[in-house]
Amino acid sequence: MRRISVLLLLTMAVFTGTWGQNITFRFSDGIYNETLKNTVERNISALLTNINKASQQKATKINMSGVRMVPQALSAFNELWEFMPFSCDDRNNVERCIQTVTGYQVRGIPVTVTNQSELDGQPERELTIGFNSSGDITGVYFALEQHNITSIMQNGVEVKDARQREEILNFVERYRSYYDQKDLKSIEDIFSDDAIIITGKEVKRKSPEGFMVTVAEYKEQNKQQYIEHLRGIFKRKSFIKVVFKGIDVVRHPMRTDIYMVTLHQNWRTPGYEDNGYVVLLWQFPENGGDPRIMVRTWQSDKIVRTKDDVFKIEDFNIN
């Protein structure tokens, strides 16, 4: 009887140890304020630990005790977790701190998405976590794949250009996550007030010779119309899944404050899926601050016969 009790206690100890395993995060370099460094290390460690506990318990919500996160980031993170729960792969995580124009971030924390129905064969991801000078987490989102990061950064020869490309990288990652998280407020903030949204679709028309031909038809919306359209989609659809591939970044030949990002996008919601090209025209404000999207275009694969059909930076009249 005693042996059975001992075995049972040992089994429970092993089980409890695995179930309650703490995840640690440490900076390798890049942050020199010791107080901020210690605060963020504790904060991210608590977040990753709570993520793993919730993943093991298959919880629909994460206990955020011990985690300091700004309200908007917390709301967006809860949306992400509801649709794409994940677990942290490594018990000990060490990454460098990266300083951005608007704060700080760490990249490259390996995680595995546990919602098998939404994986598309890509369960392994990496997290990017942003934080501010107070040590509060300002955003948690899946990083772009490494080859996409290289594509964005490889042409940044000048210091200013390289820094702006880094900011574009950060914002493209956030931009994608806003749709996954149904974060309408952040989408609204990232577009300039006078943004133009252009959507192309395939239509059939009769040619002058009397033949039916397929042509591209384009519709233009302003920012408010686009936001209201998204609001309806977010309410009707239980999830939004956006995947970016084949990212290309070009700086305007005459305007160093304007960049064009071309993305091949897969968009999926319950009962609907499409593929096509998204072009985003970003502008950095003259007085500094976050870049804003001036133009967003969408062209379905059905109307893009070759890459020459995709919008180019010279197609936009920029004063």
Protein backbone atom coordinates (compact mmCIF):
# COMPACT_ATOMS: atom_id res chain seq x y z
CA MET A 1 0.00 0.00 0.00
CA ARG A 2 2.86 2.33 0.88
CA ARG A 3 4.56 1.62 -2.46
CA ILE A 4 1.39 2.46 -4.38
CA SER A 5 1.08 5.73 -2.46
CA VAL A 6 4.70 6.63 -3.16
CA LEU A 7 4.33 5.89 -6.87
CA LEU A 8 1.16 7.95 -6.98
CA LEU A 9 2.88 10.89 -5.30
CA LEU A 10 5.84 10.66 -7.68
CA THR A 11 3.51 10.59 -10.68
CA MET A 12 1.64 13.61 -9.38
CA ALA A 13 4.90 15.47 -8.77
CA VAL A 14 6.09 14.88 -12.33
CA PHE A 15 2.69 15.79 -13.74
CA THR A 16 2.46 18.97 -11.68
CA GLY A 17 6.00 19.95 -12.60
CA THR A 18 5.26 19.75 -16.31
CA TRP A 19 1.85 21.39 -15.99
CA GLY A 20 3.12 24.34 -13.99
CA GLN A 21 6.44 24.78 -15.78
CA ASN A 22 7.58 28.40 -15.80
CA ILE A 23 8.90 29.95 -19.02
CA THR A 24 11.70 32.46 -18.70
CA PHE A 25 12.75 35.30 -20.97
CA ARG A 26 16.06 37.17 -20.85
CA PHE A 27 17.68 39.84 -23.00
CA SER A 28 21.01 39.03 -24.62
CA ASP A 29 21.80 42.70 -25.37
CA GLY A 30 20.38 45.91 -26.83
CA ILE A 31 18.83 47.29 -23.61
CA TYR A 32 20.94 49.23 -21.12
CA ASN A 33 18.43 50.60 -18.61
CA GLU A 34 18.71 47.96 -15.90
CA THR A 35 15.36 48.77 -14.30
CA LEU A 36 13.51 48.61 -17.62
CA LYS A 37 15.40 45.45 -18.57
CA ASN A 38 14.38 43.63 -15.37
CA THR A 39 10.78 44.85 -15.63
CA VAL A 40 10.36 43.64 -19.20
CA GLU A 41 12.08 40.30 -18.55
CA ARG A 42 9.63 39.61 -15.70
CA ASN A 43 6.70 40.84 -17.77
CA ILE A 44 7.44 38.70 -20.85
CA SER A 45 8.33 35.68 -18.69
CA ALA A 46 4.94 35.95 -16.97
CA LEU A 47 3.16 36.29 -20.33
CA LEU A 48 4.86 33.22 -21.85
CA THR A 49 4.26 31.18 -18.69
CA ASN A 50 0.56 32.07 -18.65
CA ILE A 51 0.31 31.29 -22.37
CA ASN A 52 1.66 27.78 -21.80
CA LYS A 53 -0.61 27.15 -18.83
CA ALA A 54 -3.65 28.23 -20.84
CA SER A 55 -2.51 26.09 -23.79
CA GLN A 56 -2.07 23.01 -21.61
CA GLN A 57 -5.49 23.54 -20.05
CA LYS A 58 -7.07 24.31 -23.46
CA ALA A 59 -8.44 27.47 -21.85
CA THR A 60 -10.45 29.92 -23.92
CA LYS A 61 -8.91 32.85 -22.01
CA ILE A 62 -5.48 33.49 -20.53
CA ASN A 63 -4.97 34.46 -16.91
CA MET A 64 -3.04 37.72 -17.27
CA SER A 65 -2.02 38.06 -13.62
CA GLY A 66 1.51 39.38 -13.34
CA VAL A 67 1.43 40.70 -16.94
CA ARG A 68 1.49 44.43 -17.67
CA MET A 69 -0.11 45.12 -21.05
CA VAL A 70 -1.78 48.25 -22.39
CA PRO A 71 -5.58 47.85 -22.78
CA GLN A 72 -5.68 47.99 -26.59
CA ALA A 73 -2.93 45.38 -26.87
CA LEU A 74 -4.71 43.15 -24.35
CA SER A 75 -7.97 43.31 -26.30
CA ALA A 76 -6.18 42.49 -29.56
CA PHE A 77 -4.24 39.66 -27.93
CA ASN A 78 -7.43 38.09 -26.57
CA GLU A 79 -8.89 38.13 -30.08
CA LEU A 80 -5.76 36.44 -31.45
CA TRP A 81 -5.80 33.80 -28.72
CA GLU A 82 -9.47 32.98 -29.28
CA PHE A 83 -8.83 32.14 -32.93
CA MET A 84 -5.22 30.91 -32.88
CA PRO A 85 -4.09 29.63 -29.46
CA PHE A 86 -0.45 28.63 -29.26
CA SER A 87 2.22 27.38 -26.89
CA CYS A 88 5.77 28.53 -26.22
CA ASP A 89 8.31 25.98 -27.48
CA ASP A 90 11.34 26.78 -25.31
CA ARG A 91 11.51 26.88 -21.54
CA ASN A 92 14.35 29.44 -21.67
CA ASN A 93 14.20 32.24 -24.25
CA VAL A 94 17.04 34.68 -24.91
CA GLU A 95 16.65 37.44 -27.52
CA ARG A 96 18.12 40.87 -28.15
CA CYS A 97 16.20 44.10 -27.66
CA ILE A 98 15.45 46.16 -30.76
CA GLN A 99 14.71 49.87 -30.38
CA THR A 100 12.15 51.25 -32.83
CA VAL A 101 10.95 54.79 -33.47
CA THR A 102 7.94 54.29 -31.19
CA GLY A 103 9.35 51.96 -28.53
CA TYR A 104 11.09 48.62 -28.18
CA GLN A 105 10.53 45.05 -29.30
CA VAL A 106 11.86 41.52 -29.15
CA ARG A 107 11.60 39.14 -32.09
CA GLY A 108 12.04 35.45 -32.75
CA ILE A 109 10.34 33.75 -29.76
CA PRO A 110 9.40 30.29 -31.13
CA VAL A 111 5.79 29.14 -30.63
CA THR A 112 3.52 26.44 -32.03
CA VAL A 113 -0.09 27.12 -33.03
CA THR A 114 -2.31 24.49 -31.43
CA ASN A 115 -5.56 25.07 -33.33
CA GLN A 116 -5.03 22.37 -35.96
CA SER A 117 -7.95 23.43 -38.14
CA GLU A 118 -6.33 26.80 -38.91
CA LEU A 119 -2.72 25.83 -39.49
CA ASP A 120 -2.43 25.34 -43.25
CA GLY A 121 0.56 23.12 -42.48
CA GLN A 122 2.45 25.92 -40.71
CA PRO A 123 2.17 25.34 -36.95
CA GLU A 124 5.61 26.77 -36.12
CA ARG A 125 5.61 30.53 -35.78
CA GLU A 126 7.67 33.25 -34.12
CA LEU A 127 6.36 35.99 -31.84
CA THR A 128 7.20 39.65 -31.94
CA ILE A 129 6.47 41.46 -28.66
CA GLY A 130 6.51 45.25 -28.42
CA PHE A 131 6.85 47.24 -25.20
CA ASN A 132 7.17 50.87 -24.12
CA SER A 133 9.59 52.79 -21.88
CA SER A 134 7.50 51.86 -18.82
CA GLY A 135 7.91 48.15 -19.54
CA ASP A 136 4.26 47.64 -20.53
CA ILE A 137 3.61 45.30 -23.47
CA THR A 138 2.15 47.25 -26.41
CA GLY A 139 1.60 44.42 -28.89
CA VAL A 140 1.93 40.66 -29.41
CA TYR A 141 1.78 39.33 -32.97
CA PHE A 142 3.14 36.64 -35.25
CA ALA A 143 6.30 37.67 -37.08
CA LEU A 144 6.67 37.54 -40.83
CA GLU A 145 8.65 34.62 -42.19
CA GLN A 146 12.41 35.19 -42.33
CA HIS A 147 12.61 35.29 -46.14
CA ASN A 148 10.03 38.07 -46.14
CA ILE A 149 12.02 40.02 -43.56
CA THR A 150 15.13 39.65 -45.73
CA SER A 151 13.17 40.86 -48.76
CA ILE A 152 12.16 44.02 -46.93
CA MET A 153 15.56 44.80 -45.45
CA GLN A 154 18.02 43.74 -48.14
CA ASN A 155 17.90 46.99 -50.15
CA GLY A 156 18.18 49.40 -47.24
CA VAL A 157 21.63 50.75 -48.03
CA GLU A 158 21.36 54.21 -46.44
CA VAL A 159 20.98 54.47 -42.67
CA LYS A 160 17.72 56.42 -42.93
CA ASP A 161 16.36 54.04 -45.56
CA ALA A 162 17.28 50.98 -43.49
CA ARG A 163 15.58 52.48 -40.43
CA GLN A 164 12.42 53.27 -42.37
CA ARG A 165 12.36 49.78 -43.88
CA GLU A 166 12.56 48.38 -40.35
CA GLU A 167 9.55 50.48 -39.40
CA ILE A 168 7.69 49.28 -42.50
CA LEU A 169 8.48 45.69 -41.45
CA ASN A 170 7.05 46.34 -37.98
CA PHE A 171 3.90 47.91 -39.35
CA VAL A 172 3.30 45.23 -41.99
CA GLU A 173 3.43 42.61 -39.22
CA ARG A 174 1.00 44.62 -37.14
CA TYR A 175 -1.21 45.34 -40.14
CA ARG A 176 -1.65 41.63 -40.82
CA SER A 177 -2.34 40.82 -37.18
CA TYR A 178 -5.05 43.51 -36.97
CA TYR A 179 -7.22 41.47 -39.35
CA ASP A 180 -6.60 38.20 -37.50
CA GLN A 181 -7.52 39.98 -34.26
CA LYS A 182 -10.46 41.91 -35.75
CA ASP A 183 -8.82 45.04 -34.36
CA LEU A 184 -10.85 47.65 -36.23
CA LYS A 185 -9.54 50.57 -34.13
CA SER A 186 -5.91 49.84 -35.07
CA ILE A 187 -6.82 49.40 -38.74
CA GLU A 188 -8.56 52.78 -38.64
CA ASP A 189 -5.51 54.39 -36.98
CA ILE A 190 -3.01 52.98 -39.49
CA PHE A 191 -4.78 54.58 -42.49
CA SER A 192 -4.40 58.29 -43.15
CA ASP A 193 -7.63 60.30 -42.94
CA ASP A 194 -7.69 60.89 -46.70
CA ALA A 195 -6.66 57.33 -47.65
CA ILE A 196 -7.91 55.85 -50.91
CA ILE A 197 -8.90 52.17 -51.11
CA ILE A 198 -9.08 50.63 -54.59
CA THR A 199 -10.56 47.18 -55.19
CA GLY A 200 -10.40 45.36 -58.52
CA LYS A 201 -12.66 42.53 -59.63
CA GLU A 202 -13.23 40.47 -62.76
CA VAL A 203 -16.29 41.30 -64.88
CA LYS A 204 -17.50 40.15 -68.28
CA ARG A 205 -18.45 42.70 -70.92
CA LYS A 206 -19.34 42.71 -74.59
CA SER A 207 -16.59 44.02 -76.84
CA PRO A 208 -17.33 46.38 -79.77
CA GLU A 209 -17.05 43.32 -82.03
CA GLY A 210 -19.81 41.59 -80.05
CA PHE A 211 -17.61 39.09 -78.17
CA MET A 212 -17.83 38.57 -74.40
CA VAL A 213 -14.50 39.51 -72.83
CA THR A 214 -13.19 39.51 -69.28
CA VAL A 215 -11.90 42.82 -67.97
CA ALA A 216 -10.85 44.30 -64.65
CA GLU A 217 -13.23 46.75 -63.02
CA TYR A 218 -12.03 48.96 -60.18
CA LYS A 219 -14.00 50.50 -57.32
CA GLU A 220 -12.71 53.36 -55.18
CA GLN A 221 -13.61 53.86 -51.52
CA ASN A 222 -12.61 56.39 -48.89
CA LYS A 223 -11.37 55.42 -45.45
CA GLN A 224 -14.75 55.61 -43.72
CA GLN A 225 -16.44 53.44 -46.36
CA TYR A 226 -13.70 50.84 -46.07
CA ILE A 227 -13.87 50.77 -42.26
CA GLU A 228 -17.66 50.34 -42.32
CA HIS A 229 -17.28 47.51 -44.84
CA LEU A 230 -14.78 45.77 -42.55
CA ARG A 231 -17.01 46.33 -39.52
CA GLY A 232 -19.74 44.32 -41.18
CA ILE A 233 -17.34 41.49 -42.10
CA PHE A 234 -15.92 41.34 -38.57
CA LYS A 235 -19.43 41.05 -37.11
CA ARG A 236 -20.60 38.36 -39.54
CA LYS A 237 -17.51 36.15 -39.65
CA SER A 238 -16.27 34.06 -36.73
CA PHE A 239 -12.67 34.41 -37.85
CA ILE A 240 -10.43 36.20 -40.36
CA LYS A 241 -7.22 34.53 -41.54
CA VAL A 242 -4.71 36.61 -43.52
CA VAL A 243 -1.43 35.27 -44.90
CA PHE A 244 1.16 37.41 -46.71
CA LYS A 245 3.71 35.99 -49.15
CA GLY A 246 6.12 37.40 -51.71
CA ILE A 247 6.64 40.77 -50.05
CA ASP A 248 8.40 43.51 -52.03
CA VAL A 249 9.30 47.00 -50.80
CA VAL A 250 10.18 49.94 -53.06
CA ARG A 251 11.06 53.50 -52.04
CA HIS A 252 9.65 56.27 -54.22
CA PRO A 253 12.38 57.47 -56.62
CA MET A 254 11.78 61.15 -55.79
CA ARG A 255 10.16 61.08 -52.32
CA THR A 256 12.22 59.51 -49.53
CA ASP A 257 9.20 59.59 -47.20
CA ILE A 258 7.04 57.28 -49.35
CA TYR A 259 7.31 53.51 -49.74
CA MET A 260 5.25 51.00 -51.68
CA VAL A 261 4.75 47.49 -50.26
CA THR A 262 3.45 44.76 -52.57
CA LEU A 263 2.08 41.60 -50.94
CA HIS A 264 0.51 38.43 -52.24
CA GLN A 265 -2.37 37.85 -49.86
CA ASN A 266 -4.49 34.85 -48.97
CA TRP A 267 -7.73 35.90 -47.24
CA ARG A 268 -9.93 33.30 -45.61
CA THR A 269 -13.15 33.50 -43.64
CA PRO A 270 -15.81 30.83 -43.01
CA GLY A 271 -17.20 29.86 -46.43
CA TYR A 272 -14.97 32.23 -48.41
CA GLU A 273 -11.36 32.38 -49.61
CA ASP A 274 -9.51 34.46 -52.19
CA ASN A 275 -5.98 35.18 -53.33
CA GLY A 276 -4.57 38.30 -54.88
CA TYR A 277 -2.19 41.23 -54.66
CA VAL A 278 -2.35 44.00 -52.08
CA VAL A 279 -0.39 47.20 -52.66
CA LEU A 280 0.11 49.57 -49.72
CA LEU A 281 1.49 53.07 -50.19
CA TRP A 282 3.02 54.22 -46.89
CA GLN A 283 4.08 57.76 -45.99
CA PHE A 284 6.30 58.83 -43.10
CA PRO A 285 5.12 62.14 -41.56
CA GLU A 286 7.48 65.09 -41.96
CA ASN A 287 7.46 65.77 -38.21
CA GLY A 288 8.20 62.14 -37.34
CA GLY A 289 5.88 59.52 -35.91
CA ASP A 290 4.27 56.41 -37.31
CA PRO A 291 3.90 55.89 -41.06
CA ARG A 292 0.36 55.89 -42.43
CA ILE A 293 -1.21 54.09 -45.38
CA MET A 294 -2.16 56.57 -48.11
CA VAL A 295 -3.41 54.03 -50.67
CA ARG A 296 -4.47 50.40 -50.46
CA THR A 297 -5.25 48.41 -53.60
CA TRP A 298 -6.54 44.88 -54.05
CA GLN A 299 -6.33 42.87 -57.29
CA SER A 300 -7.60 39.32 -57.40
CA ASP A 301 -5.43 36.64 -59.00
CA LYS A 302 -8.24 36.33 -61.52
CA ILE A 303 -7.41 39.73 -63.01
CA VAL A 304 -3.63 39.58 -62.63
CA ARG A 305 -2.37 37.72 -65.67
CA THR A 306 1.28 38.67 -65.15
CA LYS A 307 3.25 40.69 -62.59
CA ASP A 308 3.02 43.64 -64.99
CA ASP A 309 -0.70 43.85 -64.17
CA VAL A 310 0.02 44.59 -60.49
CA PHE A 311 -0.01 48.28 -59.55
CA LYS A 312 3.41 49.95 -59.53
CA ILE A 313 4.61 53.05 -57.76
CA GLU A 314 4.59 55.06 -60.99
CA ASP A 315 0.86 54.33 -61.35
CA PHE A 316 0.13 56.72 -58.47
CA ASN A 317 0.11 60.48 -58.94
CA ILE A 318 1.98 61.72 -55.88
CA ASN A 319 2.34 65.49 -55.46
